[in-house]
Amino acid sequence: MIIGLTGSYCSGKDTIAEYISKKYGYKHFSLSDVIRDVMKEEGIEPVRENLIVFGTKLRGKNGNGVLAKKVLEKINLDGKYCITSIRHSDEVKALQERKDFVLVNIDAPQDVRFERMQNRKRPGDPQTLEKFIELEKIESQTEGSGQQLRKTANMADITFINDSNDITTLEVAIDDLLKSIENV
């Protein structure tokens, strides 16, 4: 089984993936980690804006599904996997070649997501709500080899709203989500 998580910035994708990994034994892969590894080899700082530019270049050079294909090479047929940072429709299409793939779109209200971003204090994150909204708009509407967050969200089998900052509430909701996915 492969559960793919896509969604808006700071919606909780990695938090959800970590919980699924710890409680249910899914192995977590991030498509952004593929980009980070290549950037590290080339001495490029892995801040958000560099990741976007470099990811776009990788897709343009190697095909828009390249990141998903690189992760698929690392997994076998009988494991349980959670893949995050799915940001392009061709990445979804590459993953959909596996019949055991389910795509979940994670979302939360914009003000909740901005507050989460402020609390995590990751280098390169926008410092104002205006900049946050501006970057999110760019990431959602890009065509070609750039990010296509809105398009990938529309391809999801399930939408999961993560609007609570209470971890216990989130874990109960994730448990229910996993039950519905694993019983399909």
N, C-alpha and C. Protein backbone atom coordinates (compact mmCIF):
# COMPACT_ATOMS: atom_id res chain seq x y z
N MET A 1 0.84 -1.18 0.00
CA MET A 1 0.00 0.00 0.00
C MET A 1 0.88 1.24 0.00
N ILE A 2 0.50 2.21 -0.82
CA ILE A 2 1.19 3.50 -0.84
C ILE A 2 0.16 4.59 -0.60
N ILE A 3 0.37 5.37 0.45
CA ILE A 3 -0.46 6.53 0.71
C ILE A 3 0.35 7.76 0.32
N GLY A 4 -0.17 8.52 -0.63
CA GLY A 4 0.47 9.76 -1.03
C GLY A 4 -0.22 10.92 -0.35
N LEU A 5 0.58 11.86 0.14
CA LEU A 5 0.03 13.05 0.78
C LEU A 5 0.44 14.28 -0.01
N THR A 6 -0.55 15.00 -0.48
CA THR A 6 -0.32 16.28 -1.13
C THR A 6 -1.10 17.31 -0.33
N GLY A 7 -0.90 18.56 -0.65
CA GLY A 7 -1.68 19.57 0.05
C GLY A 7 -0.96 20.88 0.19
N SER A 8 -1.67 21.81 0.75
CA SER A 8 -1.15 23.15 0.88
C SER A 8 -0.04 23.22 1.93
N TYR A 9 0.73 24.27 1.82
CA TYR A 9 1.88 24.52 2.68
C TYR A 9 1.45 24.57 4.15
N CYS A 10 2.15 23.84 5.00
CA CYS A 10 1.90 23.79 6.45
C CYS A 10 0.53 23.22 6.81
N SER A 11 0.01 22.35 5.96
CA SER A 11 -1.27 21.73 6.25
C SER A 11 -1.13 20.54 7.19
N GLY A 12 0.12 20.07 7.40
CA GLY A 12 0.35 18.99 8.33
C GLY A 12 0.77 17.68 7.68
N LYS A 13 1.18 17.73 6.43
CA LYS A 13 1.53 16.50 5.70
C LYS A 13 2.62 15.70 6.41
N ASP A 14 3.70 16.35 6.80
CA ASP A 14 4.80 15.63 7.44
C ASP A 14 4.42 15.14 8.83
N THR A 15 3.65 15.91 9.56
CA THR A 15 3.17 15.47 10.89
C THR A 15 2.33 14.21 10.74
N ILE A 16 1.46 14.21 9.76
CA ILE A 16 0.60 13.05 9.51
C ILE A 16 1.45 11.85 9.06
N ALA A 17 2.40 12.10 8.18
CA ALA A 17 3.28 11.02 7.70
C ALA A 17 4.08 10.41 8.85
N GLU A 18 4.59 11.25 9.75
CA GLU A 18 5.35 10.76 10.90
C GLU A 18 4.48 9.88 11.79
N TYR A 19 3.25 10.29 12.02
CA TYR A 19 2.34 9.50 12.85
C TYR A 19 2.03 8.16 12.18
N ILE A 20 1.72 8.19 10.89
CA ILE A 20 1.43 6.96 10.15
C ILE A 20 2.63 6.01 10.20
N SER A 21 3.81 6.59 10.08
CA SER A 21 5.04 5.77 10.11
C SER A 21 5.23 5.13 11.47
N LYS A 22 5.10 5.91 12.52
CA LYS A 22 5.34 5.39 13.88
C LYS A 22 4.28 4.39 14.31
N LYS A 23 3.00 4.74 14.11
CA LYS A 23 1.93 3.89 14.63
C LYS A 23 1.62 2.70 13.72
N TYR A 24 1.70 2.90 12.42
CA TYR A 24 1.24 1.87 11.49
C TYR A 24 2.36 1.21 10.70
N GLY A 25 3.60 1.66 10.88
CA GLY A 25 4.73 1.01 10.23
C GLY A 25 4.95 1.36 8.77
N TYR A 26 4.37 2.45 8.32
CA TYR A 26 4.61 2.89 6.94
C TYR A 26 6.00 3.52 6.86
N LYS A 27 6.72 3.23 5.79
CA LYS A 27 8.01 3.87 5.55
C LYS A 27 7.75 5.18 4.83
N HIS A 28 8.32 6.27 5.34
CA HIS A 28 8.06 7.62 4.81
C HIS A 28 9.13 8.05 3.82
N PHE A 29 8.70 8.46 2.65
CA PHE A 29 9.57 9.07 1.64
C PHE A 29 9.01 10.44 1.31
N SER A 30 9.89 11.43 1.17
CA SER A 30 9.49 12.77 0.75
C SER A 30 10.11 13.06 -0.60
N LEU A 31 9.29 13.49 -1.56
CA LEU A 31 9.84 13.85 -2.86
C LEU A 31 10.77 15.05 -2.73
N SER A 32 10.54 15.90 -1.75
CA SER A 32 11.45 17.03 -1.51
C SER A 32 12.83 16.56 -1.07
N ASP A 33 12.89 15.41 -0.39
CA ASP A 33 14.20 14.88 0.02
C ASP A 33 15.04 14.49 -1.19
N VAL A 34 14.39 14.05 -2.26
CA VAL A 34 15.11 13.74 -3.50
C VAL A 34 15.78 15.02 -4.00
N ILE A 35 15.02 16.12 -3.99
CA ILE A 35 15.57 17.41 -4.43
C ILE A 35 16.69 17.85 -3.49
N ARG A 36 16.46 17.73 -2.17
CA ARG A 36 17.48 18.14 -1.19
C ARG A 36 18.80 17.37 -1.39
N ASP A 37 18.70 16.08 -1.67
CA ASP A 37 19.91 15.27 -1.88
C ASP A 37 20.73 15.77 -3.06
N VAL A 38 20.05 16.09 -4.17
CA VAL A 38 20.76 16.59 -5.35
C VAL A 38 21.33 17.98 -5.06
N MET A 39 20.56 18.81 -4.36
CA MET A 39 21.04 20.16 -4.02
C MET A 39 22.28 20.09 -3.13
N LYS A 40 22.26 19.16 -2.19
CA LYS A 40 23.41 19.00 -1.29
C LYS A 40 24.67 18.65 -2.08
N GLU A 41 24.52 17.74 -3.04
CA GLU A 41 25.65 17.36 -3.90
C GLU A 41 26.21 18.55 -4.65
N GLU A 42 25.34 19.51 -4.98
CA GLU A 42 25.76 20.68 -5.76
C GLU A 42 26.05 21.90 -4.88
N GLY A 43 25.97 21.74 -3.55
CA GLY A 43 26.30 22.83 -2.64
C GLY A 43 25.28 23.95 -2.60
N ILE A 44 24.02 23.65 -2.87
CA ILE A 44 22.97 24.66 -2.87
C ILE A 44 22.19 24.58 -1.56
N GLU A 45 21.95 25.73 -0.92
CA GLU A 45 21.24 25.78 0.35
C GLU A 45 19.78 25.33 0.15
N PRO A 46 19.29 24.38 0.96
CA PRO A 46 17.95 23.82 0.76
C PRO A 46 16.83 24.64 1.42
N VAL A 47 16.73 25.93 1.11
CA VAL A 47 15.62 26.74 1.60
C VAL A 47 14.46 26.63 0.61
N ARG A 48 13.28 27.00 1.04
CA ARG A 48 12.05 26.79 0.28
C ARG A 48 12.14 27.29 -1.16
N GLU A 49 12.56 28.54 -1.34
CA GLU A 49 12.58 29.09 -2.70
C GLU A 49 13.57 28.36 -3.59
N ASN A 50 14.74 27.93 -3.04
CA ASN A 50 15.71 27.15 -3.81
C ASN A 50 15.13 25.78 -4.18
N LEU A 51 14.40 25.17 -3.24
CA LEU A 51 13.78 23.87 -3.52
C LEU A 51 12.80 23.98 -4.69
N ILE A 52 12.02 25.05 -4.71
CA ILE A 52 11.03 25.23 -5.78
C ILE A 52 11.74 25.38 -7.12
N VAL A 53 12.74 26.24 -7.17
CA VAL A 53 13.47 26.49 -8.42
C VAL A 53 14.19 25.23 -8.87
N PHE A 54 14.88 24.57 -7.94
CA PHE A 54 15.66 23.39 -8.29
C PHE A 54 14.75 22.23 -8.69
N GLY A 55 13.63 22.06 -7.99
CA GLY A 55 12.67 21.02 -8.35
C GLY A 55 12.11 21.22 -9.75
N THR A 56 11.83 22.47 -10.08
CA THR A 56 11.34 22.80 -11.42
C THR A 56 12.40 22.45 -12.47
N LYS A 57 13.66 22.77 -12.17
CA LYS A 57 14.74 22.44 -13.11
C LYS A 57 14.89 20.93 -13.29
N LEU A 58 14.82 20.19 -12.18
CA LEU A 58 14.93 18.72 -12.26
C LEU A 58 13.81 18.14 -13.12
N ARG A 59 12.58 18.62 -12.89
CA ARG A 59 11.46 18.12 -13.67
C ARG A 59 11.63 18.48 -15.15
N GLY A 60 12.05 19.71 -15.41
CA GLY A 60 12.23 20.15 -16.79
C GLY A 60 13.28 19.34 -17.52
N LYS A 61 14.33 18.98 -16.82
CA LYS A 61 15.44 18.23 -17.42
C LYS A 61 15.15 16.74 -17.56
N ASN A 62 14.46 16.16 -16.56
CA ASN A 62 14.31 14.71 -16.49
C ASN A 62 12.87 14.21 -16.61
N GLY A 63 11.94 15.10 -16.87
CA GLY A 63 10.52 14.72 -16.95
C GLY A 63 9.80 15.06 -15.66
N ASN A 64 8.54 15.46 -15.77
CA ASN A 64 7.80 15.97 -14.62
C ASN A 64 7.47 14.93 -13.56
N GLY A 65 7.61 13.66 -13.88
CA GLY A 65 7.36 12.60 -12.91
C GLY A 65 8.62 12.04 -12.28
N VAL A 66 9.77 12.68 -12.51
CA VAL A 66 11.07 12.13 -12.11
C VAL A 66 11.18 11.87 -10.61
N LEU A 67 10.68 12.77 -9.79
CA LEU A 67 10.84 12.60 -8.34
C LEU A 67 10.07 11.37 -7.84
N ALA A 68 8.86 11.19 -8.33
CA ALA A 68 8.07 10.01 -7.95
C ALA A 68 8.73 8.73 -8.45
N LYS A 69 9.25 8.77 -9.66
CA LYS A 69 9.91 7.59 -10.22
C LYS A 69 11.13 7.20 -9.41
N LYS A 70 11.89 8.20 -8.93
CA LYS A 70 13.06 7.91 -8.11
C LYS A 70 12.66 7.25 -6.79
N VAL A 71 11.56 7.69 -6.19
CA VAL A 71 11.10 7.06 -4.95
C VAL A 71 10.55 5.67 -5.23
N LEU A 72 9.81 5.50 -6.32
CA LEU A 72 9.27 4.17 -6.65
C LEU A 72 10.37 3.14 -6.84
N GLU A 73 11.54 3.57 -7.30
CA GLU A 73 12.67 2.65 -7.45
C GLU A 73 13.15 2.10 -6.10
N LYS A 74 12.85 2.80 -5.01
CA LYS A 74 13.33 2.43 -3.68
C LYS A 74 12.35 1.53 -2.92
N ILE A 75 11.16 1.31 -3.47
CA ILE A 75 10.16 0.56 -2.71
C ILE A 75 9.85 -0.77 -3.39
N ASN A 76 9.33 -1.71 -2.59
CA ASN A 76 8.97 -3.02 -3.15
C ASN A 76 7.45 -3.18 -3.18
N LEU A 77 7.00 -4.29 -3.67
CA LEU A 77 5.57 -4.49 -3.89
C LEU A 77 4.77 -4.82 -2.63
N ASP A 78 5.42 -5.33 -1.60
CA ASP A 78 4.65 -5.80 -0.46
C ASP A 78 4.78 -4.94 0.80
N GLY A 79 5.37 -3.77 0.71
CA GLY A 79 5.53 -2.90 1.87
C GLY A 79 4.39 -1.90 2.01
N LYS A 80 4.50 -1.11 3.09
CA LYS A 80 3.55 -0.02 3.33
C LYS A 80 4.36 1.28 3.33
N TYR A 81 3.92 2.23 2.50
CA TYR A 81 4.69 3.45 2.29
C TYR A 81 3.80 4.68 2.35
N CYS A 82 4.40 5.76 2.83
CA CYS A 82 3.75 7.06 2.83
C CYS A 82 4.68 8.02 2.10
N ILE A 83 4.18 8.65 1.05
CA ILE A 83 4.99 9.54 0.23
C ILE A 83 4.43 10.95 0.33
N THR A 84 5.28 11.90 0.71
CA THR A 84 4.87 13.29 0.86
C THR A 84 5.55 14.17 -0.18
N SER A 85 5.15 15.43 -0.18
CA SER A 85 5.70 16.46 -1.08
C SER A 85 5.39 16.18 -2.54
N ILE A 86 4.23 15.65 -2.81
CA ILE A 86 3.76 15.41 -4.17
C ILE A 86 3.19 16.74 -4.66
N ARG A 87 3.86 17.35 -5.64
CA ARG A 87 3.51 18.72 -6.04
C ARG A 87 3.25 18.90 -7.54
N HIS A 88 3.26 17.81 -8.29
CA HIS A 88 3.05 17.91 -9.73
C HIS A 88 2.13 16.79 -10.19
N SER A 89 1.25 17.09 -11.13
CA SER A 89 0.29 16.09 -11.61
C SER A 89 0.98 14.87 -12.22
N ASP A 90 2.14 15.04 -12.86
CA ASP A 90 2.84 13.90 -13.42
C ASP A 90 3.45 13.01 -12.34
N GLU A 91 3.75 13.57 -11.17
CA GLU A 91 4.18 12.75 -10.04
C GLU A 91 3.03 11.87 -9.59
N VAL A 92 1.82 12.44 -9.55
CA VAL A 92 0.64 11.65 -9.20
C VAL A 92 0.44 10.54 -10.22
N LYS A 93 0.54 10.87 -11.50
CA LYS A 93 0.34 9.88 -12.55
C LYS A 93 1.36 8.74 -12.45
N ALA A 94 2.60 9.06 -12.14
CA ALA A 94 3.63 8.02 -11.98
C ALA A 94 3.27 7.11 -10.81
N LEU A 95 2.81 7.68 -9.71
CA LEU A 95 2.44 6.89 -8.54
C LEU A 95 1.17 6.08 -8.78
N GLN A 96 0.27 6.62 -9.58
CA GLN A 96 -0.99 5.92 -9.87
C GLN A 96 -0.79 4.67 -10.72
N GLU A 97 0.41 4.49 -11.26
CA GLU A 97 0.69 3.25 -11.97
C GLU A 97 0.65 2.05 -11.03
N ARG A 98 0.85 2.32 -9.75
CA ARG A 98 0.69 1.29 -8.73
C ARG A 98 -0.78 1.22 -8.34
N LYS A 99 -1.37 0.06 -8.41
CA LYS A 99 -2.80 -0.10 -8.11
C LYS A 99 -3.10 0.09 -6.62
N ASP A 100 -2.06 0.01 -5.77
CA ASP A 100 -2.26 0.15 -4.33
C ASP A 100 -1.98 1.57 -3.84
N PHE A 101 -2.03 2.55 -4.75
CA PHE A 101 -1.75 3.95 -4.41
C PHE A 101 -3.06 4.70 -4.13
N VAL A 102 -3.06 5.46 -3.03
CA VAL A 102 -4.18 6.33 -2.67
C VAL A 102 -3.61 7.71 -2.40
N LEU A 103 -4.18 8.73 -3.04
CA LEU A 103 -3.73 10.10 -2.84
C LEU A 103 -4.68 10.84 -1.91
N VAL A 104 -4.10 11.42 -0.85
CA VAL A 104 -4.88 12.18 0.13
C VAL A 104 -4.42 13.64 0.06
N ASN A 105 -5.37 14.53 -0.13
CA ASN A 105 -5.09 15.96 -0.09
C ASN A 105 -5.31 16.45 1.34
N ILE A 106 -4.25 17.02 1.92
CA ILE A 106 -4.33 17.56 3.28
C ILE A 106 -4.50 19.07 3.16
N ASP A 107 -5.45 19.62 3.89
CA ASP A 107 -5.64 21.07 3.86
C ASP A 107 -6.03 21.57 5.24
N ALA A 108 -5.90 22.87 5.40
CA ALA A 108 -6.28 23.56 6.63
C ALA A 108 -6.52 25.01 6.25
N PRO A 109 -7.27 25.74 7.06
CA PRO A 109 -7.47 27.16 6.77
C PRO A 109 -6.14 27.91 6.69
N GLN A 110 -6.10 28.94 5.86
CA GLN A 110 -4.87 29.68 5.60
C GLN A 110 -4.27 30.29 6.88
N ASP A 111 -5.11 30.84 7.76
CA ASP A 111 -4.58 31.45 8.98
C ASP A 111 -3.97 30.41 9.92
N VAL A 112 -4.53 29.23 9.95
CA VAL A 112 -3.98 28.14 10.77
C VAL A 112 -2.63 27.71 10.21
N ARG A 113 -2.54 27.58 8.90
CA ARG A 113 -1.29 27.17 8.26
C ARG A 113 -0.19 28.22 8.44
N PHE A 114 -0.55 29.50 8.35
CA PHE A 114 0.44 30.55 8.54
C PHE A 114 0.97 30.53 9.98
N GLU A 115 0.08 30.33 10.93
CA GLU A 115 0.50 30.25 12.34
C GLU A 115 1.45 29.06 12.56
N ARG A 116 1.15 27.93 11.95
CA ARG A 116 2.04 26.76 12.06
C ARG A 116 3.41 27.07 11.48
N MET A 117 3.42 27.75 10.33
CA MET A 117 4.69 28.09 9.70
C MET A 117 5.50 29.02 10.61
N GLN A 118 4.84 29.98 11.20
CA GLN A 118 5.52 30.90 12.11
C GLN A 118 6.11 30.16 13.31
N ASN A 119 5.39 29.19 13.82
CA ASN A 119 5.84 28.44 15.00
C ASN A 119 7.02 27.52 14.71
N ARG A 120 7.12 27.00 13.50
CA ARG A 120 8.21 26.07 13.22
C ARG A 120 9.52 26.78 12.89
N LYS A 121 9.45 28.03 12.46
CA LYS A 121 10.65 28.86 12.25
C LYS A 121 11.69 28.22 11.33
N ARG A 122 11.25 27.71 10.20
CA ARG A 122 12.15 27.10 9.23
C ARG A 122 12.82 28.20 8.40
N PRO A 123 14.14 28.10 8.17
CA PRO A 123 14.82 29.11 7.35
C PRO A 123 14.20 29.22 5.97
N GLY A 124 14.01 30.46 5.52
CA GLY A 124 13.46 30.69 4.19
C GLY A 124 11.95 30.81 4.15
N ASP A 125 11.27 30.52 5.26
CA ASP A 125 9.82 30.67 5.28
C ASP A 125 9.46 32.15 5.25
N PRO A 126 8.35 32.50 4.58
CA PRO A 126 7.92 33.90 4.56
C PRO A 126 7.57 34.38 5.97
N GLN A 127 7.86 35.64 6.23
CA GLN A 127 7.65 36.20 7.56
C GLN A 127 6.34 36.96 7.71
N THR A 128 5.68 37.22 6.60
CA THR A 128 4.40 37.94 6.66
C THR A 128 3.32 37.12 5.99
N LEU A 129 2.08 37.35 6.42
CA LEU A 129 0.95 36.66 5.82
C LEU A 129 0.84 37.01 4.33
N GLU A 130 1.14 38.26 3.98
CA GLU A 130 1.07 38.69 2.59
C GLU A 130 2.04 37.89 1.72
N LYS A 131 3.28 37.71 2.17
CA LYS A 131 4.28 36.95 1.42
C LYS A 131 3.87 35.47 1.34
N PHE A 132 3.35 34.94 2.43
CA PHE A 132 2.85 33.57 2.49
C PHE A 132 1.78 33.36 1.42
N ILE A 133 0.82 34.27 1.35
CA ILE A 133 -0.28 34.18 0.37
C ILE A 133 0.26 34.29 -1.05
N GLU A 134 1.21 35.21 -1.26
CA GLU A 134 1.81 35.41 -2.57
C GLU A 134 2.52 34.14 -3.06
N LEU A 135 3.35 33.53 -2.20
CA LEU A 135 4.06 32.32 -2.59
C LEU A 135 3.10 31.16 -2.83
N GLU A 136 2.09 31.07 -2.00
CA GLU A 136 1.13 29.99 -2.15
C GLU A 136 0.38 30.11 -3.49
N LYS A 137 0.05 31.32 -3.87
CA LYS A 137 -0.64 31.54 -5.14
C LYS A 137 0.24 31.11 -6.31
N ILE A 138 1.52 31.44 -6.26
CA ILE A 138 2.46 31.05 -7.32
C ILE A 138 2.56 29.53 -7.41
N GLU A 139 2.70 28.88 -6.24
CA GLU A 139 2.86 27.42 -6.22
C GLU A 139 1.62 26.69 -6.69
N SER A 140 0.46 27.29 -6.52
CA SER A 140 -0.79 26.62 -6.86
C SER A 140 -1.12 26.68 -8.34
N GLN A 141 -0.58 27.66 -9.06
CA GLN A 141 -1.03 27.88 -10.43
C GLN A 141 0.02 27.62 -11.49
N THR A 142 1.19 27.18 -11.10
CA THR A 142 2.26 26.99 -12.06
C THR A 142 1.92 25.85 -13.01
N GLU A 143 2.31 26.02 -14.25
CA GLU A 143 2.14 24.97 -15.26
C GLU A 143 3.51 24.44 -15.66
N GLY A 144 3.56 23.53 -16.62
CA GLY A 144 4.82 23.00 -17.10
C GLY A 144 5.51 22.17 -16.04
N SER A 145 6.79 22.47 -15.78
CA SER A 145 7.59 21.69 -14.83
C SER A 145 7.54 22.23 -13.41
N GLY A 146 6.86 23.35 -13.20
CA GLY A 146 6.75 23.94 -11.86
C GLY A 146 5.73 23.20 -11.00
N GLN A 147 5.57 23.69 -9.80
CA GLN A 147 4.63 23.07 -8.87
C GLN A 147 3.19 23.29 -9.34
N GLN A 148 2.36 22.29 -9.11
CA GLN A 148 0.96 22.34 -9.50
C GLN A 148 0.09 21.88 -8.33
N LEU A 149 0.19 22.60 -7.21
CA LEU A 149 -0.48 22.14 -5.99
C LEU A 149 -2.00 22.05 -6.15
N ARG A 150 -2.60 23.00 -6.81
CA ARG A 150 -4.06 22.95 -6.98
C ARG A 150 -4.45 21.75 -7.84
N LYS A 151 -3.70 21.53 -8.90
CA LYS A 151 -3.99 20.42 -9.81
C LYS A 151 -3.81 19.07 -9.10
N THR A 152 -2.75 18.93 -8.30
CA THR A 152 -2.55 17.67 -7.58
C THR A 152 -3.65 17.47 -6.54
N ALA A 153 -4.06 18.54 -5.88
CA ALA A 153 -5.14 18.44 -4.88
C ALA A 153 -6.42 17.94 -5.54
N ASN A 154 -6.68 18.42 -6.75
CA ASN A 154 -7.89 18.00 -7.46
C ASN A 154 -7.83 16.54 -7.91
N MET A 155 -6.66 15.94 -7.92
CA MET A 155 -6.50 14.54 -8.31
C MET A 155 -6.66 13.58 -7.13
N ALA A 156 -6.81 14.13 -5.93
CA ALA A 156 -6.84 13.30 -4.71
C ALA A 156 -8.09 12.41 -4.65
N ASP A 157 -7.89 11.24 -4.08
CA ASP A 157 -8.99 10.31 -3.82
C ASP A 157 -9.78 10.74 -2.58
N ILE A 158 -9.08 11.38 -1.64
CA ILE A 158 -9.65 11.77 -0.35
C ILE A 158 -9.12 13.15 0.01
N THR A 159 -9.97 13.99 0.60
CA THR A 159 -9.51 15.25 1.18
C THR A 159 -9.66 15.17 2.68
N PHE A 160 -8.59 15.54 3.38
CA PHE A 160 -8.53 15.48 4.84
C PHE A 160 -8.27 16.89 5.35
N ILE A 161 -9.21 17.43 6.14
CA ILE A 161 -9.05 18.77 6.69
C ILE A 161 -8.41 18.67 8.07
N ASN A 162 -7.24 19.28 8.19
CA ASN A 162 -6.46 19.26 9.43
C ASN A 162 -6.47 20.67 10.04
N ASP A 163 -7.59 21.02 10.64
CA ASP A 163 -7.75 22.39 11.14
C ASP A 163 -7.56 22.52 12.65
N SER A 164 -7.13 21.46 13.30
CA SER A 164 -6.90 21.51 14.74
C SER A 164 -5.41 21.47 15.04
N ASN A 165 -5.01 22.22 16.03
CA ASN A 165 -3.61 22.15 16.47
C ASN A 165 -3.46 21.24 17.69
N ASP A 166 -4.53 20.52 18.03
CA ASP A 166 -4.49 19.56 19.13
C ASP A 166 -4.06 18.20 18.58
N ILE A 167 -2.91 17.73 19.02
CA ILE A 167 -2.33 16.50 18.46
C ILE A 167 -3.20 15.27 18.72
N THR A 168 -3.87 15.20 19.87
CA THR A 168 -4.73 14.06 20.17
C THR A 168 -5.91 14.00 19.21
N THR A 169 -6.52 15.14 18.95
CA THR A 169 -7.64 15.21 18.00
C THR A 169 -7.16 14.80 16.62
N LEU A 170 -5.98 15.27 16.22
CA LEU A 170 -5.42 14.92 14.92
C LEU A 170 -5.18 13.42 14.82
N GLU A 171 -4.59 12.83 15.85
CA GLU A 171 -4.28 11.39 15.82
C GLU A 171 -5.54 10.54 15.69
N VAL A 172 -6.61 10.91 16.38
CA VAL A 172 -7.88 10.18 16.27
C VAL A 172 -8.41 10.28 14.84
N ALA A 173 -8.32 11.47 14.25
CA ALA A 173 -8.79 11.66 12.87
C ALA A 173 -7.93 10.86 11.89
N ILE A 174 -6.62 10.80 12.13
CA ILE A 174 -5.73 10.01 11.26
C ILE A 174 -6.07 8.53 11.39
N ASP A 175 -6.32 8.06 12.61
CA ASP A 175 -6.70 6.65 12.80
C ASP A 175 -7.95 6.32 11.98
N ASP A 176 -8.94 7.21 12.02
CA ASP A 176 -10.16 7.00 11.23
C ASP A 176 -9.85 7.01 9.73
N LEU A 177 -8.99 7.92 9.31
CA LEU A 177 -8.60 8.00 7.90
C LEU A 177 -7.93 6.70 7.45
N LEU A 178 -6.99 6.21 8.27
CA LEU A 178 -6.28 4.97 7.91
C LEU A 178 -7.22 3.78 7.85
N LYS A 179 -8.16 3.72 8.76
CA LYS A 179 -9.15 2.63 8.73
C LYS A 179 -9.93 2.64 7.42
N SER A 180 -10.34 3.84 6.99
CA SER A 180 -11.11 3.92 5.74
C SER A 180 -10.24 3.58 4.53
N ILE A 181 -8.98 3.99 4.53
CA ILE A 181 -8.09 3.70 3.40
C ILE A 181 -7.73 2.22 3.34
N GLU A 182 -7.38 1.64 4.47
CA GLU A 182 -6.94 0.25 4.48
C GLU A 182 -8.09 -0.73 4.24
N ASN A 183 -9.33 -0.28 4.44
CA ASN A 183 -10.48 -1.15 4.20
C ASN A 183 -11.01 -1.04 2.77
N VAL A 184 -10.45 -0.13 1.99
CA VAL A 184 -10.91 0.05 0.61
C VAL A 184 -10.47 -1.12 -0.25
